[in-house]
C-alpha atoms as a PDB file:
ATOM      1  CA  MET A   1    -129.550 114.900 -52.981  1.00  0.00           C
ATOM      2  CA  MET A   2    -129.739 118.228 -51.161  1.00  0.00           C
ATOM      3  CA  ALA A   3    -126.705 117.299 -49.066  1.00  0.00           C
ATOM      4  CA  LEU A   4    -124.761 116.511 -52.248  1.00  0.00           C
ATOM      5  CA  ARG A   5    -125.683 119.889 -53.737  1.00  0.00           C
ATOM      6  CA  SER A   6    -124.540 121.718 -50.595  1.00  0.00           C
ATOM      7  CA  LEU A   7    -121.207 119.892 -50.654  1.00  0.00           C
ATOM      8  CA  THR A   8    -120.790 120.681 -54.357  1.00  0.00           C
ATOM      9  CA  SER A   9    -121.474 124.373 -53.791  1.00  0.00           C
ATOM     10  CA  MET A  10    -119.015 124.430 -50.888  1.00  0.00           C
ATOM     11  CA  PHE A  11    -116.233 122.830 -52.920  1.00  0.00           C
ATOM     12  CA  SER A  12    -116.921 125.095 -55.883  1.00  0.00           C
ATOM     13  CA  ALA A  13    -116.092 128.080 -53.693  1.00  0.00           C
ATOM     14  CA  CYS A  14    -112.585 126.698 -53.339  1.00  0.00           C
ATOM     15  CA  ARG A  15    -110.253 127.453 -56.201  1.00  0.00           C
ATOM     16  CA  LEU A  16    -106.595 127.098 -56.991  1.00  0.00           C
ATOM     17  CA  THR A  17    -104.758 130.400 -56.865  1.00  0.00           C
ATOM     18  CA  PRO A  18    -101.039 130.840 -57.498  1.00  0.00           C
ATOM     19  CA  ILE A  19     -98.884 131.892 -54.580  1.00  0.00           C
ATOM     20  CA  SER A  20     -96.662 134.119 -56.685  1.00  0.00           C
ATOM     21  CA  PRO A  21     -97.259 135.573 -60.128  1.00  0.00           C
ATOM     22  CA  PHE A  22     -93.702 134.681 -61.049  1.00  0.00           C
ATOM     23  CA  LEU A  23     -94.212 130.990 -60.223  1.00  0.00           C
ATOM     24  CA  PRO A  24     -97.493 129.979 -61.823  1.00  0.00           C
ATOM     25  CA  CYS A  25     -96.572 126.333 -61.568  1.00  0.00           C
ATOM     26  CA  VAL A  26     -96.551 126.421 -57.755  1.00  0.00           C
ATOM     27  CA  THR A  27    -100.142 126.462 -56.637  1.00  0.00           C
ATOM     28  CA  SER A  28    -101.951 125.979 -53.354  1.00  0.00           C
ATOM     29  CA  ARG A  29    -105.538 125.412 -52.470  1.00  0.00           C
ATOM     30  CA  GLN A  30    -106.978 128.475 -50.709  1.00  0.00           C
ATOM     31  CA  LEU A  31    -110.470 129.235 -49.509  1.00  0.00           C
ATOM     32  CA  ASN A  32    -112.163 132.467 -50.502  1.00  0.00           C
ATOM     33  CA  LEU A  33    -112.692 134.246 -47.146  1.00  0.00           C
ATOM     34  CA  PRO A  34    -115.072 137.153 -46.579  1.00  0.00           C
ATOM     35  CA  PRO A  35    -113.558 140.629 -46.485  1.00  0.00           C
ATOM     36  CA  SER A  36    -111.921 141.640 -43.220  1.00  0.00           C
ATOM     37  CA  ILE A  37    -113.588 144.012 -40.764  1.00  0.00           C
ATOM     38  CA  PRO A  38    -112.496 147.604 -41.413  1.00  0.00           C
ATOM     39  CA  GLN A  39    -110.376 149.063 -38.659  1.00  0.00           C
ATOM     40  CA  GLN A  40    -112.308 152.329 -38.683  1.00  0.00           C
ATOM     41  CA  ILE A  41    -115.254 150.776 -36.891  1.00  0.00           C
ATOM     42  CA  MET A  42    -113.074 149.005 -34.328  1.00  0.00           C
ATOM     43  CA  HIS A  43    -112.490 150.538 -30.906  1.00  0.00           C
ATOM     44  CA  GLN A  44    -109.167 152.329 -30.821  1.00  0.00           C
ATOM     45  CA  HIS A  45    -107.397 152.184 -27.467  1.00  0.00           C
ATOM     46  CA  LYS A  46    -105.832 155.466 -26.435  1.00  0.00           C
ATOM     47  CA  TYR A  47    -103.180 155.506 -23.762  1.00  0.00           C
ATOM     48  CA  GLU A  48    -103.178 158.888 -22.086  1.00  0.00           C
ATOM     49  CA  PRO A  49    -101.380 159.919 -18.913  1.00  0.00           C
ATOM     50  CA  TYR A  50    -103.347 160.476 -15.744  1.00  0.00           C
ATOM     51  CA  LYS A  51    -104.773 163.911 -15.221  1.00  0.00           C
ATOM     52  CA  THR A  52    -102.965 166.126 -12.786  1.00  0.00           C
ATOM     53  CA  PRO A  53    -104.931 166.645  -9.546  1.00  0.00           C
ATOM     54  CA  GLU A  54    -106.552 170.026  -9.121  1.00  0.00           C
ATOM     55  CA  HIS A  55    -104.432 170.971  -6.138  1.00  0.00           C
ATOM     56  CA  HIS A  56    -101.348 170.493  -8.346  1.00  0.00           C
ATOM     57  CA  ASN A  57    -102.543 172.762 -11.146  1.00  0.00           C
ATOM     58  CA  SER A  58    -100.283 175.768 -10.915  1.00  0.00           C
ATOM     59  CA  PRO A  59     -97.884 177.343 -13.430  1.00  0.00           C
ATOM     60  CA  GLU A  60     -94.839 176.027 -11.595  1.00  0.00           C
ATOM     61  CA  HIS A  61     -96.240 172.543 -11.293  1.00  0.00           C
ATOM     62  CA  MET A  62     -97.265 172.498 -14.925  1.00  0.00           C
ATOM     63  CA  ARG A  63     -93.772 173.595 -15.938  1.00  0.00           C
ATOM     64  CA  LEU A  64     -92.173 170.845 -13.879  1.00  0.00           C
ATOM     65  CA  LEU A  65     -94.684 168.383 -15.266  1.00  0.00           C
ATOM     66  CA  LYS A  66     -93.719 169.286 -18.818  1.00  0.00           C
ATOM     67  CA  GLU A  67     -89.966 169.632 -18.395  1.00  0.00           C
ATOM     68  CA  GLU A  68     -88.955 167.302 -15.578  1.00  0.00           C
ATOM     69  CA  LEU A  69     -91.612 164.593 -15.534  1.00  0.00           C
ATOM     70  CA  LEU A  70     -92.338 164.592 -19.286  1.00  0.00           C
ATOM     71  CA  ASP A  71     -96.115 164.586 -18.833  1.00  0.00           C
ATOM     72  CA  TYR A  72     -96.016 161.682 -16.387  1.00  0.00           C
ATOM     73  CA  PRO A  73     -98.190 161.864 -13.254  1.00  0.00           C
ATOM     74  CA  PRO A  74     -96.434 163.586 -10.348  1.00  0.00           C
ATOM     75  CA  TYR A  75     -96.980 160.655  -8.018  1.00  0.00           C
ATOM     76  CA  GLN A  76     -97.647 156.923  -8.108  1.00  0.00           C
ATOM     77  CA  ASN A  77    -100.563 155.056  -6.653  1.00  0.00           C
ATOM     78  CA  ARG A  78     -99.482 153.728  -3.279  1.00  0.00           C
ATOM     79  CA  LYS A  79    -101.067 150.947  -1.264  1.00  0.00           C
ATOM     80  CA  ILE A  80    -103.086 152.223   1.656  1.00  0.00           C
ATOM     81  CA  ARG A  81    -102.296 150.159   4.730  1.00  0.00           C
ATOM     82  CA  HIS A  82    -105.724 150.080   6.310  1.00  0.00           C
ATOM     83  CA  GLY A  83    -104.836 147.394   8.873  1.00  0.00           C
ATOM     84  CA  PHE A  84    -107.260 144.730   7.657  1.00  0.00           C
ATOM     85  CA  GLN A  85    -105.566 141.389   7.134  1.00  0.00           C
ATOM     86  CA  ASP A  86    -108.153 139.755   4.876  1.00  0.00           C
ATOM     87  CA  ALA A  87    -111.672 140.101   3.544  1.00  0.00           C
ATOM     88  CA  ILE A  88    -113.153 138.234   6.505  1.00  0.00           C
ATOM     89  CA  MET A  89    -111.775 140.893   8.831  1.00  0.00           C
ATOM     90  CA  VAL A  90    -113.458 143.617   6.752  1.00  0.00           C
ATOM     91  CA  ARG A  91    -116.728 141.690   6.846  1.00  0.00           C
ATOM     92  CA  ASP A  92    -116.508 141.363  10.629  1.00  0.00           C
ATOM     93  CA  TYR A  93    -115.888 145.110  10.940  1.00  0.00           C
ATOM     94  CA  LYS A  94    -118.947 145.900   8.811  1.00  0.00           C
ATOM     95  CA  ARG A  95    -121.071 143.545  10.888  1.00  0.00           C
ATOM     96  CA  ARG A  96    -120.009 145.301  14.074  1.00  0.00           C
ATOM     97  CA  MET A  97    -120.845 148.696  12.590  1.00  0.00           C
ATOM     98  CA  VAL A  98    -124.315 147.534  11.519  1.00  0.00           C
ATOM     99  CA  ALA A  99    -124.963 145.874  14.883  1.00  0.00           C
ATOM    100  CA  SER A 100    -123.965 148.995  16.823  1.00  0.00           C
ATOM    101  CA  HIS A 101    -126.168 151.161  14.581  1.00  0.00           C
ATOM    102  CA  PHE A 102    -129.335 149.090  15.161  1.00  0.00           C
ATOM    103  CA  ALA A 103    -128.613 148.000  18.750  1.00  0.00           C
ATOM    104  CA  GLN A 104    -130.904 150.475  20.535  1.00  0.00           C
ATOM    105  CA  LEU A 105    -133.731 149.984  18.048  1.00  0.00           C
ATOM    106  CA  ARG A 106    -133.581 146.205  18.403  1.00  0.00           C
ATOM    107  CA  VAL A 107    -133.689 146.455  22.208  1.00  0.00           C
ATOM    108  CA  ARG A 108    -136.842 148.591  22.083  1.00  0.00           C
ATOM    109  CA  LEU A 109    -138.570 146.416  19.491  1.00  0.00           C
ATOM    110  CA  ASN A 110    -137.758 143.272  21.454  1.00  0.00           C
ATOM    111  CA  ALA A 111    -139.120 144.848  24.625  1.00  0.00           C
ATOM    112  CA  ILE A 112    -142.395 145.664  22.846  1.00  0.00           C
ATOM    113  CA  ARG A 113    -142.598 142.262  21.189  1.00  0.00           C
ATOM    114  CA  LYS A 114    -142.163 140.349  24.465  1.00  0.00           C
ATOM    115  CA  ASN A 115    -144.411 142.558  26.593  1.00  0.00           C
ATOM    116  CA  ASN A 116    -147.547 140.615  27.591  1.00  0.00           C
ATOM    117  CA  LEU A 117    -149.390 143.735  28.740  1.00  0.00           C
ATOM    118  CA  LEU A 118    -149.588 145.313  25.277  1.00  0.00           C
ATOM    119  CA  PRO A 119    -152.215 144.458  22.657  1.00  0.00           C
ATOM    120  CA  GLN A 120    -151.396 141.678  20.243  1.00  0.00           C
ATOM    121  CA  ASP A 121    -151.503 143.884  17.135  1.00  0.00           C
ATOM    122  CA  ILE A 122    -148.852 146.213  18.576  1.00  0.00           C
ATOM    123  CA  ARG A 123    -146.666 143.244  19.432  1.00  0.00           C
ATOM    124  CA  ASP A 124    -147.113 141.828  15.931  1.00  0.00           C
ATOM    125  CA  THR A 125    -146.191 145.168  14.373  1.00  0.00           C
ATOM    126  CA  ALA A 126    -143.012 145.316  16.462  1.00  0.00           C
ATOM    127  CA  SER A 127    -142.191 141.746  15.438  1.00  0.00           C
ATOM    128  CA  VAL A 128    -142.629 142.578  11.744  1.00  0.00           C
ATOM    129  CA  GLN A 129    -140.427 145.665  12.081  1.00  0.00           C
ATOM    130  CA  LEU A 130    -137.810 143.654  13.945  1.00  0.00           C
ATOM    131  CA  HIS A 131    -137.659 140.992  11.235  1.00  0.00           C
ATOM    132  CA  SER A 132    -137.390 143.655   8.533  1.00  0.00           C
ATOM    133  CA  LEU A 133    -134.055 144.869   9.915  1.00  0.00           C
ATOM    134  CA  PRO A 134    -130.806 143.671   8.298  1.00  0.00           C
ATOM    135  CA  ARG A 135    -129.590 140.250   9.319  1.00  0.00           C
ATOM    136  CA  ASP A 136    -126.245 141.613  10.494  1.00  0.00           C
ATOM    137  CA  SER A 137    -127.993 143.931  12.944  1.00  0.00           C
ATOM    138  CA  CYS A 138    -128.253 141.037  15.430  1.00  0.00           C
ATOM    139  CA  PHE A 139    -125.338 140.743  17.844  1.00  0.00           C
ATOM    140  CA  THR A 140    -125.258 136.958  17.465  1.00  0.00           C
ATOM    141  CA  ARG A 141    -123.814 137.410  13.981  1.00  0.00           C
ATOM    142  CA  ILE A 142    -120.628 138.872  15.463  1.00  0.00           C
ATOM    143  CA  MET A 143    -117.872 136.348  16.029  1.00  0.00           C
ATOM    144  CA  THR A 144    -114.800 136.779  18.188  1.00  0.00           C
ATOM    145  CA  ARG A 145    -111.849 137.503  15.923  1.00  0.00           C
ATOM    146  CA  CYS A 146    -108.320 138.741  16.556  1.00  0.00           C
ATOM    147  CA  VAL A 147    -107.936 142.400  15.637  1.00  0.00           C
ATOM    148  CA  VAL A 148    -104.254 141.915  14.775  1.00  0.00           C
ATOM    149  CA  THR A 149    -104.065 138.672  12.817  1.00  0.00           C
ATOM    150  CA  SER A 150    -107.785 138.038  12.045  1.00  0.00           C
ATOM    151  CA  ARG A 151    -107.486 134.613  13.677  1.00  0.00           C
ATOM    152  CA  ARG A 152    -110.786 133.001  14.621  1.00  0.00           C
ATOM    153  CA  ARG A 153    -109.690 130.283  17.034  1.00  0.00           C
ATOM    154  CA  GLY A 154    -108.067 130.768  20.407  1.00  0.00           C
ATOM    155  CA  CYS A 155    -109.166 134.385  20.731  1.00  0.00           C
ATOM    156  CA  LYS A 156    -109.313 136.074  24.131  1.00  0.00           C
ATOM    157  CA  THR A 157    -112.688 137.796  24.353  1.00  0.00           C
ATOM    158  CA  ARG A 158    -111.568 140.403  26.877  1.00  0.00           C
ATOM    159  CA  TRP A 159    -108.702 141.741  24.766  1.00  0.00           C
ATOM    160  CA  ARG A 160    -109.945 140.571  21.325  1.00  0.00           C
ATOM    161  CA  VAL A 161    -106.548 139.131  20.397  1.00  0.00           C
ATOM    162  CA  SER A 162    -105.494 135.577  19.711  1.00  0.00           C
ATOM    163  CA  ARG A 163    -103.581 133.526  22.238  1.00  0.00           C
ATOM    164  CA  ILE A 164    -100.350 134.024  20.277  1.00  0.00           C
ATOM    165  CA  ILE A 165    -100.617 137.818  20.263  1.00  0.00           C
ATOM    166  CA  PHE A 166    -101.791 137.737  23.886  1.00  0.00           C
ATOM    167  CA  ARG A 167     -98.678 135.876  24.994  1.00  0.00           C
ATOM    168  CA  SER A 168     -96.333 138.094  22.970  1.00  0.00           C
ATOM    169  CA  LEU A 169     -97.843 141.228  24.555  1.00  0.00           C
ATOM    170  CA  ALA A 170     -98.395 139.896  28.070  1.00  0.00           C
ATOM    171  CA  ASP A 171     -94.783 138.734  28.368  1.00  0.00           C
ATOM    172  CA  TYR A 172     -93.688 142.382  28.254  1.00  0.00           C
ATOM    173  CA  ASN A 173     -96.519 143.764  30.428  1.00  0.00           C
ATOM    174  CA  ARG A 174     -98.344 145.440  27.540  1.00  0.00           C
ATOM    175  CA  LEU A 175    -101.845 144.224  28.417  1.00  0.00           C
ATOM    176  CA  SER A 176    -103.886 145.876  31.134  1.00  0.00           C
ATOM    177  CA  GLY A 177    -105.110 143.418  33.750  1.00  0.00           C
ATOM    178  CA  ALA A 178    -102.898 140.493  32.710  1.00  0.00           C
ATOM    179  CA  GLN A 179    -100.670 139.116  35.480  1.00  0.00           C
ATOM    180  CA  TRP A 180     -98.226 136.257  35.749  1.00  0.00           C
ATOM    181  CA  ALA A 181     -99.657 133.018  37.120  1.00  0.00           C
ATOM    182  CA  ILE A 182     -97.829 132.316  40.406  1.00  0.00           C
ATOM    183  CA  TRP A 183     -98.111 128.931  42.106  1.00  0.00           C
ATOM    184  CA  MET A 184     -97.102 129.178  45.766  1.00  0.00           C
ATOM    185  CA  TYR A 185     -97.979 127.519  49.038  1.00  0.00           C
ATOM    186  CA  ASN A 186    -100.751 130.027  49.810  1.00  0.00           C
ATOM    187  CA  THR A 187    -102.542 129.293  46.542  1.00  0.00           C
ATOM    188  CA  PHE A 188    -103.152 125.634  47.314  1.00  0.00           C
ATOM    189  CA  SER A 189    -106.653 124.427  48.067  1.00  0.00           C
ATOM    190  CA  THR A 190    -107.023 124.379  51.832  1.00  0.00           C
ATOM    191  CA  ARG A 191    -109.846 121.853  52.102  1.00  0.00           C
ATOM    192  CA  ARG A 192    -108.376 119.560  49.459  1.00  0.00           C
ATOM    193  CA  HIS A 193    -105.276 119.012  51.590  1.00  0.00           C
ATOM    194  CA  MET A 194    -107.209 118.391  54.802  1.00  0.00           C
ATOM    195  CA  LEU A 195    -108.061 114.868  55.889  1.00  0.00           C
ATOM    196  CA  TRP A 196    -111.488 113.665  56.888  1.00  0.00           C
ATOM    197  CA  PRO A 197    -112.253 112.389  59.435  1.00  0.00           C
ATOM    198  CA  PRO A 198    -109.885 114.582  61.425  1.00  0.00           C
ATOM    199  CA  PRO A 199    -106.592 112.925  62.208  1.00  0.00           C
ATOM    200  CA  PRO A 200    -105.894 112.051  65.823  1.00  0.00           C
ATOM    201  CA  SER A 201    -104.314 114.968  67.622  1.00  0.00           C
ATOM    202  CA  PRO A 202    -102.903 115.422  71.121  1.00  0.00           C
ATOM    203  CA  THR A 203    -105.655 117.926  71.879  1.00  0.00           C
ATOM    204  CA  PRO A 204    -108.903 116.307  72.992  1.00  0.00           C
ATOM    205  CA  SER A 205    -111.123 118.536  70.798  1.00  0.00           C
ATOM    206  CA  ALA A 206    -111.222 118.584  66.977  1.00  0.00           C
ATOM    207  CA  ILE A 207    -113.535 121.602  66.786  1.00  0.00           C
ATOM    208  CA  PRO A 208    -110.916 124.008  65.324  1.00  0.00           C
ATOM    209  CA  TYR A 209    -110.076 121.469  62.631  1.00  0.00           C
ATOM    210  CA  VAL A 210    -113.760 121.014  61.720  1.00  0.00           C
ATOM    211  CA  GLN A 211    -114.358 124.760  61.628  1.00  0.00           C
ATOM    212  CA  ARG A 212    -111.388 125.231  59.320  1.00  0.00           C
ATOM    213  CA  TYR A 213    -112.670 122.453  57.048  1.00  0.00           C
ATOM    214  CA  HIS A 214    -116.129 123.983  56.674  1.00  0.00           C
ATOM    215  CA  ARG A 215    -114.742 127.514  56.389  1.00  0.00           C
ATOM    216  CA  ASN A 216    -112.805 126.525  53.250  1.00  0.00           C
ATOM    217  CA  ILE A 217    -115.432 124.237  51.791  1.00  0.00           C
ATOM    218  CA  ALA A 218    -115.623 126.429  48.669  1.00  0.00           C
ATOM    219  CA  ASP A 219    -112.133 125.297  47.686  1.00  0.00           C
END
């Protein structure tokens, strides 16, 4: 019964109103909606030009700003080329900065923590202080990453560049300490190309051959 009353009250709110006063015969069912929200209480967006920087505030600049630029900002926002390729490269840079900042402190705390001659309470205090440092302060959090392309795999640790960048720079002698790999007769393994037991020779003694074999045993 209560559901029927609620439906009746809902349908009673609907009435037939004419679309046009000149055509009373044409009617349409419309629902009485609540009044609209007044625009005075709504947030009004204001589009204002950027403020002129302080170092540009001079009579001549203000005149040019009014006459030539028509109140537009005297410059546009340009992209700053910081050299970072992606967000992972920025994260790696921040980790290296944190690790270098806490490096000396971590070395001292580790030395105290692992010293068996000190009392146990001092070692425990050093351990607590060490574990309270940021996680990125440990050098094991730093991964080898190319400083040019931010590539993780195939990175040369000595130069901190990937194998692709390493080859492109080493081909033109732009990396210090990188030399061409030369394969000649004097680079062969001496002991690997010697036979054992010594081959028969016209000389009665094989002592020089044995000495040469053991001299190059590291090959």
